[in-house]
Amino acid sequence: MEYYGYIKSFHLIFIITWFAGLFYIPRLFVYQIEAFHKPSPEKEILGKQLKLMAKRLWFIITWPSAILATVFAIWLLILQPYWLQQPWMQVKLAFVALLFIYHLKTHQYYKQLQRDEVKKSSSFMRIWNEGATFILFAVIFLVVLKSAINWVWGIIGIIVLGILIMLGFKIYKNIRDKNPEA
């Protein structure tokens, strides 16, 4: 168990880099979608650069981080199998499953945009960008509080956060409508 701290540290490092990728890639999608609707040659120049940025982020940071975070998580569970009996861990693993679904759906959006298939609006991607935030809040509360009961309060907090974010989107959209350079 002398190396347990190292394994946990690597797990946390790769969780952080995984989330960094999941937080940034939808922003790149927003810019790609907006660039797609610009006139030539701006559309082609921006599109090419944003595709390259998304590709590098996705395959050099986000996917490797997801894989390594998972490997270290499994290793931790092998060392501490009794955690699987804990209600908070079971709920956490449900959120981790949701995180993988979010990641895979984001991968679908990535592939579509790499093929210049714009099926979602930039407004949708701004909202999609917050999905990982909600999952992160839930997991952090579960891990820190180690209580399946207290996670309910965390979920209530996430709902309040979601409402505040939606209000923020609405306010920002009104500002952008009045001043496109904002």
Protein backbone atom coordinates (compact mmCIF):
# COMPACT_ATOMS: atom_id res chain seq x y z
CA MET A 1 0.00 0.00 0.00
CA GLU A 2 3.07 2.24 0.03
CA TYR A 3 2.35 3.17 -3.61
CA TYR A 4 -1.39 3.80 -3.02
CA GLY A 5 -0.86 7.58 -2.77
CA TYR A 6 0.93 7.61 -6.12
CA ILE A 7 -1.86 5.69 -7.82
CA LYS A 8 -4.48 8.02 -6.35
CA SER A 9 -2.41 11.06 -7.40
CA PHE A 10 -2.18 9.82 -10.99
CA HIS A 11 -5.91 9.08 -10.97
CA LEU A 12 -6.66 12.65 -9.87
CA ILE A 13 -4.21 14.18 -12.37
CA PHE A 14 -5.82 12.32 -15.27
CA ILE A 15 -9.33 13.14 -14.04
CA ILE A 16 -8.34 16.83 -14.08
CA THR A 17 -6.86 16.65 -17.59
CA TRP A 18 -9.83 14.61 -18.83
CA PHE A 19 -12.25 17.23 -17.56
CA ALA A 20 -10.09 20.00 -18.99
CA GLY A 21 -10.53 18.39 -22.40
CA LEU A 22 -14.26 17.87 -21.86
CA PHE A 23 -14.65 21.51 -20.80
CA TYR A 24 -12.75 22.91 -23.79
CA ILE A 25 -13.81 20.72 -26.71
CA PRO A 26 -17.44 21.97 -26.81
CA ARG A 27 -16.08 25.54 -26.87
CA LEU A 28 -14.10 24.59 -29.96
CA PHE A 29 -17.31 23.11 -31.38
CA VAL A 30 -19.05 26.46 -30.79
CA TYR A 31 -16.30 28.23 -32.73
CA GLN A 32 -16.33 25.60 -35.50
CA ILE A 33 -20.09 25.94 -35.96
CA GLU A 34 -19.89 29.72 -36.01
CA ALA A 35 -16.98 29.62 -38.47
CA PHE A 36 -18.98 27.29 -40.73
CA HIS A 37 -21.50 30.08 -41.28
CA LYS A 38 -18.90 32.74 -42.17
CA PRO A 39 -18.14 33.76 -45.74
CA SER A 40 -15.17 32.39 -47.69
CA PRO A 41 -12.19 32.44 -47.24
CA GLU A 42 -12.69 33.08 -43.51
CA LYS A 43 -14.85 29.93 -43.24
CA GLU A 44 -12.15 27.68 -44.69
CA ILE A 45 -9.24 29.24 -42.80
CA LEU A 46 -10.97 29.16 -39.42
CA GLY A 47 -12.52 25.75 -40.08
CA LYS A 48 -9.19 24.15 -40.88
CA GLN A 49 -7.47 25.63 -37.80
CA LEU A 50 -10.32 24.77 -35.43
CA LYS A 51 -10.48 21.18 -36.72
CA LEU A 52 -6.76 20.80 -36.06
CA MET A 53 -7.09 22.25 -32.56
CA ALA A 54 -10.03 19.95 -31.79
CA LYS A 55 -8.16 16.90 -33.14
CA ARG A 56 -5.09 17.60 -31.02
CA LEU A 57 -7.13 18.30 -27.88
CA TRP A 58 -9.31 15.24 -28.35
CA PHE A 59 -6.66 12.66 -29.21
CA ILE A 60 -3.59 13.99 -27.37
CA ILE A 61 -5.24 15.12 -24.11
CA THR A 62 -8.87 14.06 -23.66
CA TRP A 63 -8.95 10.42 -24.80
CA PRO A 64 -5.60 9.44 -23.22
CA SER A 65 -6.66 11.13 -19.97
CA ALA A 66 -9.98 9.27 -19.95
CA ILE A 67 -8.22 5.96 -20.47
CA LEU A 68 -5.52 6.59 -17.87
CA ALA A 69 -8.01 7.93 -15.29
CA THR A 70 -9.99 4.72 -15.76
CA VAL A 71 -6.93 2.48 -15.47
CA PHE A 72 -5.87 4.14 -12.22
CA ALA A 73 -9.46 4.04 -10.91
CA ILE A 74 -9.68 0.30 -11.54
CA TRP A 75 -6.31 -0.15 -9.86
CA LEU A 76 -7.58 1.77 -6.80
CA LEU A 77 -10.70 -0.40 -6.67
CA ILE A 78 -8.58 -3.55 -6.85
CA LEU A 79 -6.57 -2.27 -3.88
CA GLN A 80 -9.71 -1.18 -1.97
CA PRO A 81 -12.50 -3.56 -3.13
CA TYR A 82 -14.68 -2.78 -0.08
CA TRP A 83 -15.41 0.64 -1.62
CA LEU A 84 -17.71 -1.12 -4.06
CA GLN A 85 -19.94 -1.98 -1.09
CA GLN A 86 -20.29 1.70 -0.14
CA PRO A 87 -23.53 3.39 -1.31
CA TRP A 88 -21.70 6.65 -2.14
CA MET A 89 -19.31 4.75 -4.41
CA GLN A 90 -22.17 3.01 -6.20
CA VAL A 91 -23.81 6.37 -6.88
CA LYS A 92 -20.44 7.80 -7.94
CA LEU A 93 -19.95 4.96 -10.41
CA ALA A 94 -23.38 5.72 -11.88
CA PHE A 95 -22.21 9.29 -12.50
CA VAL A 96 -18.96 7.96 -13.97
CA ALA A 97 -21.05 5.85 -16.37
CA LEU A 98 -22.94 9.02 -17.27
CA LEU A 99 -19.59 10.74 -17.83
CA PHE A 100 -18.57 8.03 -20.30
CA ILE A 101 -21.88 8.44 -22.13
CA TYR A 102 -21.26 12.20 -22.27
CA HIS A 103 -17.71 11.58 -23.54
CA LEU A 104 -18.88 9.18 -26.27
CA LYS A 105 -21.66 11.54 -27.38
CA THR A 106 -19.11 14.35 -27.51
CA HIS A 107 -16.98 12.08 -29.68
CA GLN A 108 -19.91 11.75 -32.10
CA TYR A 109 -20.16 15.55 -32.29
CA TYR A 110 -16.40 15.71 -32.84
CA LYS A 111 -16.58 13.29 -35.79
CA GLN A 112 -19.51 15.15 -37.36
CA LEU A 113 -17.73 18.49 -37.19
CA GLN A 114 -14.52 16.99 -38.57
CA ARG A 115 -16.61 15.99 -41.63
CA ASP A 116 -18.15 19.51 -41.81
CA GLU A 117 -21.54 18.15 -40.77
CA VAL A 118 -23.13 20.88 -38.69
CA LYS A 119 -26.17 19.30 -37.08
CA LYS A 120 -26.30 21.33 -33.85
CA SER A 121 -26.35 25.06 -33.20
CA SER A 122 -23.64 26.97 -31.38
CA SER A 123 -26.25 27.69 -28.67
CA PHE A 124 -26.78 23.95 -28.20
CA MET A 125 -23.03 23.43 -27.85
CA ARG A 126 -22.82 26.20 -25.25
CA ILE A 127 -25.38 24.30 -23.19
CA TRP A 128 -23.75 20.91 -23.94
CA ASN A 129 -20.52 22.39 -22.60
CA GLU A 130 -22.05 22.42 -19.11
CA GLY A 131 -22.80 18.68 -19.03
CA ALA A 132 -19.38 17.74 -17.71
CA THR A 133 -19.66 20.47 -15.08
CA PHE A 134 -22.81 18.90 -13.62
CA ILE A 135 -21.20 15.47 -13.48
CA LEU A 136 -18.06 16.91 -11.88
CA PHE A 137 -20.09 18.62 -9.14
CA ALA A 138 -21.95 15.41 -8.33
CA VAL A 139 -18.80 13.27 -8.20
CA ILE A 140 -16.84 15.75 -6.09
CA PHE A 141 -19.65 16.01 -3.53
CA LEU A 142 -19.92 12.21 -3.37
CA VAL A 143 -16.19 11.67 -2.94
CA VAL A 144 -15.68 14.42 -0.38
CA LEU A 145 -18.83 13.79 1.67
CA LYS A 146 -18.77 9.99 1.17
CA SER A 147 -22.49 9.89 1.68
CA ALA A 148 -25.16 8.65 -0.69
CA ILE A 149 -27.72 10.68 1.27
CA ASN A 150 -25.87 14.00 1.07
CA TRP A 151 -25.50 13.64 -2.68
CA VAL A 152 -29.18 14.55 -2.88
CA TRP A 153 -28.24 18.02 -1.60
CA GLY A 154 -25.46 18.05 -4.17
CA ILE A 155 -27.99 17.28 -6.91
CA ILE A 156 -30.23 20.07 -5.66
CA GLY A 157 -27.19 22.33 -5.83
CA ILE A 158 -26.51 21.13 -9.38
CA ILE A 159 -30.09 21.94 -10.39
CA VAL A 160 -29.73 25.43 -8.91
CA LEU A 161 -26.38 25.76 -10.72
CA GLY A 162 -28.08 24.68 -13.96
CA ILE A 163 -30.77 27.29 -13.53
CA LEU A 164 -28.15 29.97 -12.88
CA ILE A 165 -26.15 28.87 -15.93
CA MET A 166 -29.26 29.00 -18.12
CA LEU A 167 -30.01 32.49 -16.83
CA GLY A 168 -26.41 33.43 -17.59
CA PHE A 169 -26.79 32.09 -21.15
CA LYS A 170 -29.97 34.09 -21.60
CA ILE A 171 -28.36 37.29 -20.34
CA TYR A 172 -25.24 36.73 -22.47
CA LYS A 173 -27.37 35.98 -25.55
CA ASN A 174 -29.23 39.27 -25.05
CA ILE A 175 -25.92 41.11 -24.72
CA ARG A 176 -24.56 39.41 -27.89
CA ASP A 177 -27.76 40.23 -29.80
CA LYS A 178 -27.27 43.90 -28.95
CA ASN A 179 -23.49 43.83 -29.49
CA PRO A 180 -22.13 40.94 -31.63
CA GLU A 181 -18.57 41.83 -30.60
CA ALA A 182 -19.29 41.19 -26.87
